[in-house]
């Protein structure tokens, strides 16, 4: 999915699956199957340039893995728990991700 996100940001103008096939490494049908019934990139791409590097890394991880815990985010970002929680809270406030669960069972997913 990270490959598709790079293509999405890199191709100028109106996008279609034939362009993905032309510039990407998979066929048109592969890209169609990834997007069928869901438009997962739209909420991210509008404000992507305004995000910090850590926020971008977290969103890219979520595109590939669908959910992240604070412990996984600490490992991914290389910061302590306090800074990592601050980054996750910023993404929640900006409405990019949703906090689910409580206590030790808390995890974060992309906003749908």
N, C-alpha and C. Protein backbone atom coordinates (compact mmCIF):
# COMPACT_ATOMS: atom_id res chain seq x y z
N UNK A 1 0.82 -1.19 0.00
CA UNK A 1 0.00 0.00 0.00
C UNK A 1 0.86 1.25 0.00
N UNK A 2 2.03 1.20 0.61
CA UNK A 2 2.94 2.34 0.62
C UNK A 2 3.33 2.72 -0.80
N UNK A 3 3.53 1.74 -1.65
CA UNK A 3 3.86 1.98 -3.05
C UNK A 3 2.75 2.79 -3.74
N UNK A 4 1.50 2.46 -3.46
CA UNK A 4 0.37 3.16 -4.06
C UNK A 4 0.32 4.60 -3.56
N UNK A 5 0.58 4.79 -2.27
CA UNK A 5 0.57 6.14 -1.71
C UNK A 5 1.64 7.01 -2.36
N UNK A 6 2.83 6.48 -2.57
CA UNK A 6 3.89 7.22 -3.26
C UNK A 6 3.46 7.61 -4.67
N UNK A 7 2.85 6.68 -5.38
CA UNK A 7 2.36 6.98 -6.72
C UNK A 7 1.30 8.06 -6.69
N UNK A 8 0.38 7.95 -5.74
CA UNK A 8 -0.72 8.89 -5.62
C UNK A 8 -0.20 10.32 -5.44
N UNK A 9 0.82 10.48 -4.63
CA UNK A 9 1.38 11.80 -4.39
C UNK A 9 2.30 12.27 -5.52
N UNK A 10 2.87 11.33 -6.28
CA UNK A 10 3.85 11.68 -7.29
C UNK A 10 3.31 12.00 -8.67
N UNK A 11 2.12 11.53 -9.01
CA UNK A 11 1.57 11.75 -10.34
C UNK A 11 0.75 13.02 -10.32
N UNK A 12 1.05 13.93 -11.21
CA UNK A 12 0.34 15.21 -11.28
C UNK A 12 -0.91 15.08 -12.13
N UNK A 13 -1.90 15.94 -11.87
CA UNK A 13 -3.12 15.96 -12.66
C UNK A 13 -4.12 14.91 -12.19
N UNK A 14 -5.07 14.64 -13.04
CA UNK A 14 -6.12 13.68 -12.71
C UNK A 14 -5.57 12.26 -12.72
N UNK A 15 -5.90 11.51 -11.70
CA UNK A 15 -5.36 10.17 -11.56
C UNK A 15 -6.35 9.13 -12.06
N UNK A 16 -5.81 8.07 -12.65
CA UNK A 16 -6.62 6.91 -12.96
C UNK A 16 -5.72 5.69 -12.85
N UNK A 17 -6.32 4.52 -12.92
CA UNK A 17 -5.57 3.29 -12.68
C UNK A 17 -4.60 2.97 -13.81
N UNK A 18 -4.87 3.47 -15.00
CA UNK A 18 -3.93 3.27 -16.10
C UNK A 18 -2.62 4.01 -15.84
N UNK A 19 -2.71 5.19 -15.21
CA UNK A 19 -1.50 5.92 -14.85
C UNK A 19 -0.72 5.17 -13.77
N UNK A 20 -1.44 4.59 -12.81
CA UNK A 20 -0.77 3.79 -11.79
C UNK A 20 -0.01 2.65 -12.45
N UNK A 21 -0.66 2.00 -13.42
CA UNK A 21 0.00 0.88 -14.11
C UNK A 21 1.23 1.37 -14.87
N UNK A 22 1.11 2.53 -15.51
CA UNK A 22 2.21 3.07 -16.31
C UNK A 22 3.42 3.42 -15.45
N UNK A 23 3.19 4.07 -14.31
CA UNK A 23 4.29 4.52 -13.46
C UNK A 23 4.63 3.56 -12.33
N UNK A 24 3.74 2.65 -12.04
CA UNK A 24 3.95 1.73 -10.93
C UNK A 24 4.56 0.42 -11.37
N UNK A 25 4.57 -0.53 -10.44
CA UNK A 25 5.17 -1.82 -10.77
C UNK A 25 4.15 -2.94 -10.88
N UNK A 26 2.85 -2.62 -10.79
CA UNK A 26 1.81 -3.63 -10.90
C UNK A 26 0.86 -3.28 -12.03
N UNK A 27 -0.03 -4.21 -12.35
CA UNK A 27 -1.01 -3.99 -13.40
C UNK A 27 -2.20 -3.17 -12.93
N UNK A 28 -2.98 -2.70 -13.89
CA UNK A 28 -4.13 -1.87 -13.60
C UNK A 28 -5.11 -2.54 -12.63
N UNK A 29 -5.39 -3.82 -12.84
CA UNK A 29 -6.37 -4.52 -12.01
C UNK A 29 -5.92 -4.62 -10.55
N UNK A 30 -4.64 -4.75 -10.32
CA UNK A 30 -4.11 -4.81 -8.96
C UNK A 30 -4.44 -3.51 -8.21
N UNK A 31 -4.23 -2.38 -8.87
CA UNK A 31 -4.53 -1.09 -8.24
C UNK A 31 -6.04 -0.91 -8.04
N UNK A 32 -6.83 -1.35 -9.01
CA UNK A 32 -8.29 -1.26 -8.87
C UNK A 32 -8.76 -2.05 -7.65
N UNK A 33 -8.21 -3.24 -7.46
CA UNK A 33 -8.60 -4.08 -6.33
C UNK A 33 -8.27 -3.41 -5.00
N UNK A 34 -7.16 -2.69 -4.93
CA UNK A 34 -6.76 -2.01 -3.70
C UNK A 34 -7.74 -0.90 -3.32
N UNK A 35 -8.32 -0.23 -4.33
CA UNK A 35 -9.19 0.92 -4.07
C UNK A 35 -10.67 0.57 -4.08
N UNK A 36 -11.02 -0.60 -4.51
CA UNK A 36 -12.42 -0.95 -4.70
C UNK A 36 -13.22 -0.82 -3.40
N UNK A 37 -14.25 -0.01 -3.45
CA UNK A 37 -15.15 0.12 -2.31
C UNK A 37 -14.65 1.01 -1.19
N UNK A 38 -13.42 1.50 -1.28
CA UNK A 38 -12.92 2.36 -0.22
C UNK A 38 -11.91 3.35 -0.78
N UNK A 39 -11.98 4.54 -0.29
CA UNK A 39 -11.06 5.58 -0.71
C UNK A 39 -10.23 5.96 0.50
N UNK A 40 -9.23 5.16 0.82
CA UNK A 40 -8.47 5.31 2.06
C UNK A 40 -7.50 6.47 2.04
N UNK A 41 -7.08 6.93 0.86
CA UNK A 41 -6.06 7.96 0.81
C UNK A 41 -6.61 9.38 0.88
N UNK A 42 -7.85 9.59 0.51
CA UNK A 42 -8.41 10.93 0.43
C UNK A 42 -8.25 11.74 1.71
N UNK A 43 -8.60 11.23 2.91
CA UNK A 43 -8.46 12.07 4.09
C UNK A 43 -7.02 12.42 4.42
N UNK A 44 -6.08 11.65 3.95
CA UNK A 44 -4.68 11.89 4.27
C UNK A 44 -4.05 12.90 3.32
N UNK A 45 -4.34 12.80 2.03
CA UNK A 45 -3.61 13.59 1.05
C UNK A 45 -3.90 15.07 1.12
N UNK A 46 -5.06 15.48 1.62
CA UNK A 46 -5.38 16.90 1.64
C UNK A 46 -4.42 17.73 2.49
N UNK A 47 -4.04 17.26 3.64
CA UNK A 47 -3.17 18.02 4.54
C UNK A 47 -1.81 17.35 4.75
N UNK A 48 -1.45 16.43 3.91
CA UNK A 48 -0.24 15.63 4.12
C UNK A 48 1.01 16.51 4.20
N UNK A 49 1.10 17.55 3.38
CA UNK A 49 2.30 18.40 3.35
C UNK A 49 2.49 19.19 4.64
N UNK A 50 1.44 19.39 5.40
CA UNK A 50 1.54 20.17 6.64
C UNK A 50 1.94 19.34 7.85
N UNK A 51 2.04 18.04 7.68
CA UNK A 51 2.35 17.15 8.80
C UNK A 51 3.86 17.07 9.03
N UNK A 52 4.22 16.77 10.26
CA UNK A 52 5.62 16.54 10.59
C UNK A 52 6.07 15.16 10.13
N UNK A 53 7.36 14.93 10.12
CA UNK A 53 7.92 13.66 9.66
C UNK A 53 7.39 12.49 10.49
N UNK A 54 7.32 12.66 11.80
CA UNK A 54 6.85 11.57 12.65
C UNK A 54 5.38 11.24 12.38
N UNK A 55 4.58 12.28 12.14
CA UNK A 55 3.17 12.07 11.83
C UNK A 55 3.01 11.34 10.50
N UNK A 56 3.82 11.71 9.52
CA UNK A 56 3.79 11.04 8.22
C UNK A 56 4.17 9.56 8.35
N UNK A 57 5.22 9.29 9.12
CA UNK A 57 5.65 7.90 9.31
C UNK A 57 4.54 7.08 9.97
N UNK A 58 3.85 7.67 10.93
CA UNK A 58 2.76 6.98 11.61
C UNK A 58 1.62 6.67 10.64
N UNK A 59 1.25 7.65 9.81
CA UNK A 59 0.16 7.43 8.85
C UNK A 59 0.54 6.38 7.80
N UNK A 60 1.78 6.41 7.34
CA UNK A 60 2.22 5.40 6.37
C UNK A 60 2.19 4.01 6.99
N UNK A 61 2.57 3.92 8.25
CA UNK A 61 2.50 2.63 8.95
C UNK A 61 1.04 2.15 9.02
N UNK A 62 0.14 3.07 9.33
CA UNK A 62 -1.27 2.71 9.44
C UNK A 62 -1.86 2.30 8.09
N UNK A 63 -1.39 2.88 7.01
CA UNK A 63 -1.87 2.46 5.69
C UNK A 63 -1.52 1.01 5.42
N UNK A 64 -0.36 0.59 5.89
CA UNK A 64 0.08 -0.79 5.66
C UNK A 64 -0.48 -1.77 6.69
N UNK A 65 -0.67 -1.34 7.93
CA UNK A 65 -1.00 -2.25 9.02
C UNK A 65 -2.39 -2.08 9.64
N UNK A 66 -3.09 -1.04 9.28
CA UNK A 66 -4.47 -0.78 9.71
C UNK A 66 -4.63 -0.35 11.17
N UNK A 67 -3.73 -0.72 12.07
CA UNK A 67 -3.82 -0.25 13.45
C UNK A 67 -2.42 -0.17 14.05
N UNK A 68 -2.31 0.66 15.10
CA UNK A 68 -1.03 0.81 15.79
C UNK A 68 -1.31 1.04 17.27
N UNK A 69 -0.51 0.44 18.11
CA UNK A 69 -0.59 0.68 19.55
C UNK A 69 0.49 1.70 19.91
N UNK A 70 0.41 2.23 21.13
CA UNK A 70 1.42 3.19 21.56
C UNK A 70 2.79 2.52 21.61
N UNK A 71 2.82 1.27 22.04
CA UNK A 71 4.08 0.53 22.12
C UNK A 71 4.71 0.36 20.73
N UNK A 72 3.89 0.03 19.73
CA UNK A 72 4.39 -0.09 18.36
C UNK A 72 4.88 1.25 17.83
N UNK A 73 4.16 2.33 18.19
CA UNK A 73 4.55 3.67 17.74
C UNK A 73 5.88 4.10 18.37
N UNK A 74 6.10 3.76 19.63
CA UNK A 74 7.37 4.07 20.29
C UNK A 74 8.52 3.41 19.54
N UNK A 75 8.33 2.15 19.19
CA UNK A 75 9.35 1.41 18.45
C UNK A 75 9.56 1.99 17.05
N UNK A 76 8.46 2.35 16.37
CA UNK A 76 8.52 2.89 15.02
C UNK A 76 9.21 4.25 14.97
N UNK A 77 8.87 5.13 15.91
CA UNK A 77 9.36 6.51 15.88
C UNK A 77 10.68 6.71 16.61
N UNK A 78 10.97 5.83 17.58
CA UNK A 78 12.22 5.96 18.32
C UNK A 78 12.20 7.02 19.39
N UNK A 79 11.02 7.46 19.81
CA UNK A 79 10.88 8.44 20.89
C UNK A 79 10.40 7.73 22.14
N UNK A 80 10.38 8.48 23.24
CA UNK A 80 9.82 7.96 24.48
C UNK A 80 8.30 7.94 24.42
N UNK A 81 7.69 7.39 25.46
CA UNK A 81 6.24 7.25 25.49
C UNK A 81 5.52 8.60 25.48
N UNK A 82 6.07 9.58 26.19
CA UNK A 82 5.41 10.89 26.28
C UNK A 82 5.36 11.58 24.92
N UNK A 83 6.49 11.65 24.23
CA UNK A 83 6.54 12.28 22.91
C UNK A 83 5.67 11.52 21.91
N UNK A 84 5.71 10.20 21.96
CA UNK A 84 4.92 9.38 21.04
C UNK A 84 3.43 9.62 21.28
N UNK A 85 3.03 9.68 22.55
CA UNK A 85 1.62 9.93 22.87
C UNK A 85 1.19 11.30 22.37
N UNK A 86 2.08 12.28 22.46
CA UNK A 86 1.80 13.63 21.96
C UNK A 86 1.57 13.61 20.44
N UNK A 87 2.39 12.87 19.73
CA UNK A 87 2.25 12.75 18.27
C UNK A 87 0.92 12.09 17.91
N UNK A 88 0.59 11.00 18.61
CA UNK A 88 -0.67 10.31 18.35
C UNK A 88 -1.86 11.20 18.69
N UNK A 89 -1.78 11.93 19.79
CA UNK A 89 -2.87 12.85 20.16
C UNK A 89 -3.04 13.97 19.13
N UNK A 90 -1.94 14.47 18.58
CA UNK A 90 -2.02 15.49 17.53
C UNK A 90 -2.76 14.95 16.31
N UNK A 91 -2.46 13.71 15.94
CA UNK A 91 -3.14 13.11 14.79
C UNK A 91 -4.62 12.89 15.07
N UNK A 92 -4.96 12.58 16.32
CA UNK A 92 -6.37 12.43 16.69
C UNK A 92 -7.06 13.79 16.61
N UNK A 93 -6.42 14.83 17.13
CA UNK A 93 -6.99 16.18 17.10
C UNK A 93 -7.18 16.68 15.67
N UNK A 94 -6.25 16.33 14.79
CA UNK A 94 -6.35 16.75 13.38
C UNK A 94 -7.30 15.86 12.59
N UNK A 95 -7.89 14.87 13.27
CA UNK A 95 -8.89 13.96 12.70
C UNK A 95 -8.35 13.07 11.58
N UNK A 96 -7.07 12.70 11.68
CA UNK A 96 -6.48 11.73 10.76
C UNK A 96 -6.69 10.31 11.25
N UNK A 97 -6.64 10.15 12.58
CA UNK A 97 -6.77 8.82 13.16
C UNK A 97 -7.81 8.85 14.28
N UNK A 98 -8.24 7.66 14.68
CA UNK A 98 -9.23 7.51 15.75
C UNK A 98 -8.64 6.64 16.85
N UNK A 99 -8.83 7.06 18.10
CA UNK A 99 -8.39 6.26 19.24
C UNK A 99 -9.50 5.27 19.57
N UNK A 100 -9.13 4.02 19.73
CA UNK A 100 -10.11 2.97 20.05
C UNK A 100 -9.64 2.21 21.29
N UNK A 101 -10.58 1.75 22.07
CA UNK A 101 -10.24 1.00 23.27
C UNK A 101 -9.86 1.92 24.42
N UNK A 102 -9.55 1.29 25.56
CA UNK A 102 -9.17 2.05 26.76
C UNK A 102 -8.03 1.35 27.46
N UNK A 103 -7.26 2.14 28.18
CA UNK A 103 -6.17 1.59 28.97
C UNK A 103 -5.14 0.86 28.13
N UNK A 104 -4.75 -0.32 28.58
CA UNK A 104 -3.72 -1.09 27.87
C UNK A 104 -4.19 -1.59 26.52
N UNK A 105 -5.50 -1.62 26.31
CA UNK A 105 -6.05 -2.10 25.04
C UNK A 105 -6.24 -1.01 24.00
N UNK A 106 -5.72 0.19 24.26
CA UNK A 106 -5.89 1.31 23.33
C UNK A 106 -5.06 1.09 22.07
N UNK A 107 -5.68 1.35 20.93
CA UNK A 107 -4.97 1.34 19.66
C UNK A 107 -5.56 2.41 18.77
N UNK A 108 -4.89 2.70 17.68
CA UNK A 108 -5.28 3.79 16.79
C UNK A 108 -5.46 3.24 15.38
N UNK A 109 -6.47 3.76 14.67
CA UNK A 109 -6.72 3.38 13.28
C UNK A 109 -6.93 4.64 12.46
N UNK A 110 -6.82 4.50 11.16
CA UNK A 110 -7.11 5.62 10.27
C UNK A 110 -8.59 5.96 10.35
N UNK A 111 -8.88 7.24 10.24
CA UNK A 111 -10.28 7.66 10.21
C UNK A 111 -10.87 7.21 8.89
N UNK A 112 -12.06 6.66 8.94
CA UNK A 112 -12.68 6.14 7.71
C UNK A 112 -13.54 7.15 7.04
